[in-house]
Amino acid sequence: MKAVLKTCAGLALLVSALAVTGCGPSSTPVDVPNPPATAAIKQNLQGAVETGQLGSGMMAIDNEIEKLAATDAAKAAELKKEFAAVKSASSPAQVKAKAKEMMDKL
């Protein structure tokens, strides 16, 4: 019985010590640059090129094209037109081909 009490007391002391010391001083936050919109579009198109299917990346591509429009409206307009062709493709082979064409323009 005394051994159990000693173990419990030791664990309580250890937990208390860890709670008081914490994880140490916090570090300085580091800014992580966001990849350019074109890189994100390429990454999402890669899945369509490989599978011939447009999954959840479709919305991400639309969002990235909108972001690009703020800095390069002409490029964004061209990509919107290209992406409309990708979305309207009727077969996986067409999706792959159109997505590859769009990636080559990035």
Protein backbone atom coordinates (compact mmCIF):
# COMPACT_ATOMS: atom_id res chain seq x y z
CA MET A 1 0.00 0.00 0.00
CA LYS A 2 2.83 2.39 0.88
CA ALA A 3 4.52 1.58 -2.45
CA VAL A 4 1.38 2.58 -4.35
CA LEU A 5 1.13 5.85 -2.42
CA LYS A 6 4.82 6.59 -3.09
CA THR A 7 4.30 5.90 -6.82
CA CYS A 8 1.23 8.13 -6.97
CA ALA A 9 3.01 10.89 -5.07
CA GLY A 10 6.01 10.61 -7.37
CA LEU A 11 3.82 10.82 -10.46
CA ALA A 12 1.94 13.81 -9.05
CA LEU A 13 5.25 15.55 -8.35
CA LEU A 14 6.49 14.79 -11.86
CA VAL A 15 3.29 16.07 -13.49
CA SER A 16 3.43 19.22 -11.38
CA ALA A 17 7.04 19.85 -12.34
CA LEU A 18 6.27 19.42 -16.02
CA ALA A 19 3.25 21.71 -15.80
CA VAL A 20 5.28 24.44 -14.13
CA THR A 21 8.20 24.29 -16.56
CA GLY A 22 6.03 24.11 -19.67
CA CYS A 23 7.55 23.91 -23.10
CA GLY A 24 10.06 26.69 -22.68
CA PRO A 25 10.08 30.14 -24.24
CA SER A 26 8.07 30.63 -27.38
CA SER A 27 9.92 31.08 -30.62
CA THR A 28 9.66 33.93 -33.05
CA PRO A 29 7.00 33.26 -35.69
CA VAL A 30 8.33 32.75 -39.18
CA ASP A 31 6.43 33.93 -42.22
CA VAL A 32 5.99 31.15 -44.74
CA PRO A 33 5.51 32.54 -48.23
CA ASN A 34 2.46 31.35 -50.13
CA PRO A 35 3.25 29.71 -53.46
CA PRO A 36 2.24 31.73 -56.50
CA ALA A 37 -1.24 31.07 -57.85
CA THR A 38 0.19 29.49 -61.00
CA ALA A 39 2.09 26.90 -58.94
CA ALA A 40 -1.07 25.98 -57.01
CA ILE A 41 -3.03 25.71 -60.27
CA LYS A 42 -0.35 23.44 -61.74
CA GLN A 43 -0.39 21.24 -58.66
CA ASN A 44 -4.17 20.82 -58.83
CA LEU A 45 -4.13 20.20 -62.58
CA GLN A 46 -1.54 17.46 -62.13
CA GLY A 47 -4.19 15.26 -60.54
CA ALA A 48 -6.47 15.72 -63.55
CA VAL A 49 -3.62 14.93 -65.93
CA GLU A 50 -2.88 11.71 -64.03
CA THR A 51 -6.45 10.49 -63.46
CA GLY A 52 -8.60 12.17 -66.09
CA GLN A 53 -10.98 13.30 -63.36
CA LEU A 54 -11.68 16.67 -61.82
CA GLY A 55 -12.14 16.25 -58.11
CA SER A 56 -12.03 18.75 -55.29
CA GLY A 57 -9.13 20.48 -57.03
CA MET A 58 -11.65 22.05 -59.40
CA MET A 59 -12.78 24.59 -56.80
CA ALA A 60 -9.20 25.26 -55.78
CA ILE A 61 -8.26 26.02 -59.39
CA ASP A 62 -11.18 28.46 -59.71
CA ASN A 63 -10.06 30.19 -56.49
CA GLU A 64 -6.44 30.42 -57.62
CA ILE A 65 -7.47 31.88 -60.98
CA GLU A 66 -9.44 34.53 -59.08
CA LYS A 67 -6.36 35.32 -56.98
CA LEU A 68 -4.27 35.60 -60.13
CA ALA A 69 -6.79 38.05 -61.61
CA ALA A 70 -5.76 40.59 -58.97
CA THR A 71 -2.20 40.69 -60.29
CA ASP A 72 -2.46 39.53 -63.93
CA ALA A 73 -5.94 39.95 -65.37
CA ALA A 74 -4.96 38.92 -68.91
CA LYS A 75 -3.36 35.66 -67.77
CA ALA A 76 -6.33 34.93 -65.49
CA ALA A 77 -8.79 35.48 -68.36
CA GLU A 78 -6.81 33.09 -70.58
CA LEU A 79 -6.70 30.47 -67.81
CA LYS A 80 -10.43 30.84 -67.15
CA LYS A 81 -11.10 30.07 -70.81
CA GLU A 82 -8.72 27.08 -70.72
CA PHE A 83 -10.23 25.78 -67.50
CA ALA A 84 -13.74 26.01 -68.95
CA ALA A 85 -12.53 23.68 -71.72
CA VAL A 86 -11.13 21.27 -69.13
CA LYS A 87 -14.39 21.26 -67.19
CA SER A 88 -16.46 20.67 -70.32
CA ALA A 89 -14.39 17.68 -71.45
CA SER A 90 -16.63 14.65 -71.78
CA SER A 91 -14.17 11.80 -71.28
CA PRO A 92 -11.21 11.12 -68.99
CA ALA A 93 -8.89 11.17 -72.02
CA GLN A 94 -10.16 14.64 -72.98
CA VAL A 95 -9.79 15.87 -69.39
CA LYS A 96 -6.19 14.64 -69.36
CA ALA A 97 -5.42 16.30 -72.71
CA LYS A 98 -7.07 19.63 -71.86
CA ALA A 99 -5.51 19.75 -68.39
CA LYS A 100 -2.08 19.05 -69.91
CA GLU A 101 -2.60 21.85 -72.45
CA MET A 102 -3.54 24.22 -69.64
CA MET A 103 -0.52 23.20 -67.56
CA ASP A 104 1.77 23.84 -70.52
CA LYS A 105 0.53 27.43 -70.65
CA LEU A 106 1.44 28.10 -67.03
